[in-house]
Amino acid sequence: MSNFYNPNLEIDLDSPFTRDEKNKLIRRSYWMDKSDKSLLMLMGRGIGSQLTNDEKRAHLSDIGRSHLIEELFEPEILPPE
């Protein structure tokens, strides 16, 4: 079973991460209408920033955007000291 994020529906009933009893996204169109660039921003700095890396991977795979996983978790290269 995938490690999907489960939002607190008492706080955010309209969360775009909400899933039904069969673990299907309820607001799938919210995600499908976004460009790759928008999804990267949402997952890195927006509403997805609260998710664990495993939850982000599972979510991106579920919406058919697994090609963004490597880009989202690109290793940071630090300059020499």
C-alpha atoms as a PDB file:
ATOM      1  CA  MET A   1       0.000   0.000   0.000  1.00  0.00           C
ATOM      2  CA  SER A   2       1.285   3.459  -0.902  1.00  0.00           C
ATOM      3  CA  ASN A   3       2.113   5.968   1.766  1.00  0.00           C
ATOM      4  CA  PHE A   4      -0.366   8.715   0.891  1.00  0.00           C
ATOM      5  CA  TYR A   5      -0.768  11.853   2.963  1.00  0.00           C
ATOM      6  CA  ASN A   6      -3.999  11.941   4.968  1.00  0.00           C
ATOM      7  CA  PRO A   7      -5.103  15.529   5.657  1.00  0.00           C
ATOM      8  CA  ASN A   8      -6.926  16.468   8.834  1.00  0.00           C
ATOM      9  CA  LEU A   9     -10.443  16.939   7.475  1.00  0.00           C
ATOM     10  CA  GLU A  10     -11.574  18.722  10.641  1.00  0.00           C
ATOM     11  CA  ILE A  11      -9.207  21.561   9.731  1.00  0.00           C
ATOM     12  CA  ASP A  12      -9.263  21.422   5.924  1.00  0.00           C
ATOM     13  CA  LEU A  13     -12.324  19.699   4.508  1.00  0.00           C
ATOM     14  CA  ASP A  14     -11.511  20.853   0.964  1.00  0.00           C
ATOM     15  CA  SER A  15      -7.900  19.636   0.942  1.00  0.00           C
ATOM     16  CA  PRO A  16      -6.747  18.628  -2.552  1.00  0.00           C
ATOM     17  CA  PHE A  17      -5.090  15.607  -0.881  1.00  0.00           C
ATOM     18  CA  THR A  18      -8.413  14.139   0.322  1.00  0.00           C
ATOM     19  CA  ARG A  19      -9.034  10.526  -0.720  1.00  0.00           C
ATOM     20  CA  ASP A  20     -12.117   8.331  -0.686  1.00  0.00           C
ATOM     21  CA  GLU A  21     -12.498   4.939   1.006  1.00  0.00           C
ATOM     22  CA  LYS A  22     -10.772   3.268  -1.978  1.00  0.00           C
ATOM     23  CA  ASN A  23      -7.785   5.638  -1.649  1.00  0.00           C
ATOM     24  CA  LYS A  24      -8.677   7.532  -4.858  1.00  0.00           C
ATOM     25  CA  LEU A  25      -8.138  11.293  -4.973  1.00  0.00           C
ATOM     26  CA  ILE A  26     -11.431  13.139  -4.684  1.00  0.00           C
ATOM     27  CA  ARG A  27     -10.149  16.378  -6.245  1.00  0.00           C
ATOM     28  CA  ARG A  28      -8.016  14.746  -8.945  1.00  0.00           C
ATOM     29  CA  SER A  29      -8.864  17.493 -11.455  1.00  0.00           C
ATOM     30  CA  TYR A  30      -7.157  20.018  -9.168  1.00  0.00           C
ATOM     31  CA  TRP A  31      -3.858  18.227  -9.797  1.00  0.00           C
ATOM     32  CA  MET A  32      -4.396  17.333 -13.422  1.00  0.00           C
ATOM     33  CA  ASP A  33      -5.015  20.986 -14.360  1.00  0.00           C
ATOM     34  CA  LYS A  34      -1.564  22.026 -13.051  1.00  0.00           C
ATOM     35  CA  SER A  35       1.563  22.294 -15.178  1.00  0.00           C
ATOM     36  CA  ASP A  36       4.708  20.417 -14.167  1.00  0.00           C
ATOM     37  CA  LYS A  37       6.301  23.671 -13.019  1.00  0.00           C
ATOM     38  CA  SER A  38       3.284  24.520 -10.846  1.00  0.00           C
ATOM     39  CA  LEU A  39       3.294  21.056  -9.303  1.00  0.00           C
ATOM     40  CA  LEU A  40       6.968  21.341  -8.429  1.00  0.00           C
ATOM     41  CA  MET A  41       6.334  24.674  -6.711  1.00  0.00           C
ATOM     42  CA  LEU A  42       3.281  23.332  -4.860  1.00  0.00           C
ATOM     43  CA  MET A  43       5.099  20.249  -3.631  1.00  0.00           C
ATOM     44  CA  GLY A  44       8.350  22.025  -2.771  1.00  0.00           C
ATOM     45  CA  ARG A  45       7.216  25.347  -1.311  1.00  0.00           C
ATOM     46  CA  GLY A  46       3.418  25.305  -1.256  1.00  0.00           C
ATOM     47  CA  ILE A  47       0.762  23.023   0.173  1.00  0.00           C
ATOM     48  CA  GLY A  48       2.897  19.944  -0.409  1.00  0.00           C
ATOM     49  CA  SER A  49       5.831  21.199   1.630  1.00  0.00           C
ATOM     50  CA  GLN A  50       4.282  19.674   4.782  1.00  0.00           C
ATOM     51  CA  LEU A  51       4.364  16.171   3.279  1.00  0.00           C
ATOM     52  CA  THR A  52       7.148  13.690   3.871  1.00  0.00           C
ATOM     53  CA  ASN A  53       9.314  12.759   0.903  1.00  0.00           C
ATOM     54  CA  ASP A  54       7.622   9.343   0.697  1.00  0.00           C
ATOM     55  CA  GLU A  55       4.187  10.986   0.631  1.00  0.00           C
ATOM     56  CA  LYS A  56       5.314  13.357  -2.127  1.00  0.00           C
ATOM     57  CA  ARG A  57       6.666  10.446  -4.187  1.00  0.00           C
ATOM     58  CA  ALA A  58       3.450   8.443  -3.727  1.00  0.00           C
ATOM     59  CA  HIS A  59       1.281  11.419  -4.655  1.00  0.00           C
ATOM     60  CA  LEU A  60       3.251  12.322  -7.788  1.00  0.00           C
ATOM     61  CA  SER A  61       3.216   8.700  -8.925  1.00  0.00           C
ATOM     62  CA  ASP A  62      -0.522   8.453  -8.307  1.00  0.00           C
ATOM     63  CA  ILE A  63      -1.301  11.473 -10.483  1.00  0.00           C
ATOM     64  CA  GLY A  64       0.925  10.198 -13.272  1.00  0.00           C
ATOM     65  CA  ARG A  65       3.740  12.684 -12.753  1.00  0.00           C
ATOM     66  CA  SER A  66       6.457  10.361 -11.461  1.00  0.00           C
ATOM     67  CA  HIS A  67       8.878  11.989 -13.903  1.00  0.00           C
ATOM     68  CA  LEU A  68       8.901  14.996 -11.537  1.00  0.00           C
ATOM     69  CA  ILE A  69      10.210  13.023  -8.562  1.00  0.00           C
ATOM     70  CA  GLU A  70      13.869  13.289  -9.556  1.00  0.00           C
ATOM     71  CA  GLU A  71      13.481  16.995 -10.252  1.00  0.00           C
ATOM     72  CA  LEU A  72      11.768  17.626  -6.907  1.00  0.00           C
ATOM     73  CA  PHE A  73      14.465  15.779  -4.979  1.00  0.00           C
ATOM     74  CA  GLU A  74      17.448  16.968  -6.993  1.00  0.00           C
ATOM     75  CA  PRO A  75      20.525  16.851  -4.751  1.00  0.00           C
ATOM     76  CA  GLU A  76      21.813  20.248  -3.728  1.00  0.00           C
ATOM     77  CA  ILE A  77      25.385  20.811  -4.822  1.00  0.00           C
ATOM     78  CA  LEU A  78      27.250  23.098  -2.486  1.00  0.00           C
ATOM     79  CA  PRO A  79      30.259  25.098  -3.663  1.00  0.00           C
ATOM     80  CA  PRO A  80      33.632  24.251  -2.078  1.00  0.00           C
ATOM     81  CA  GLU A  81      34.558  26.239   0.984  1.00  0.00           C
END
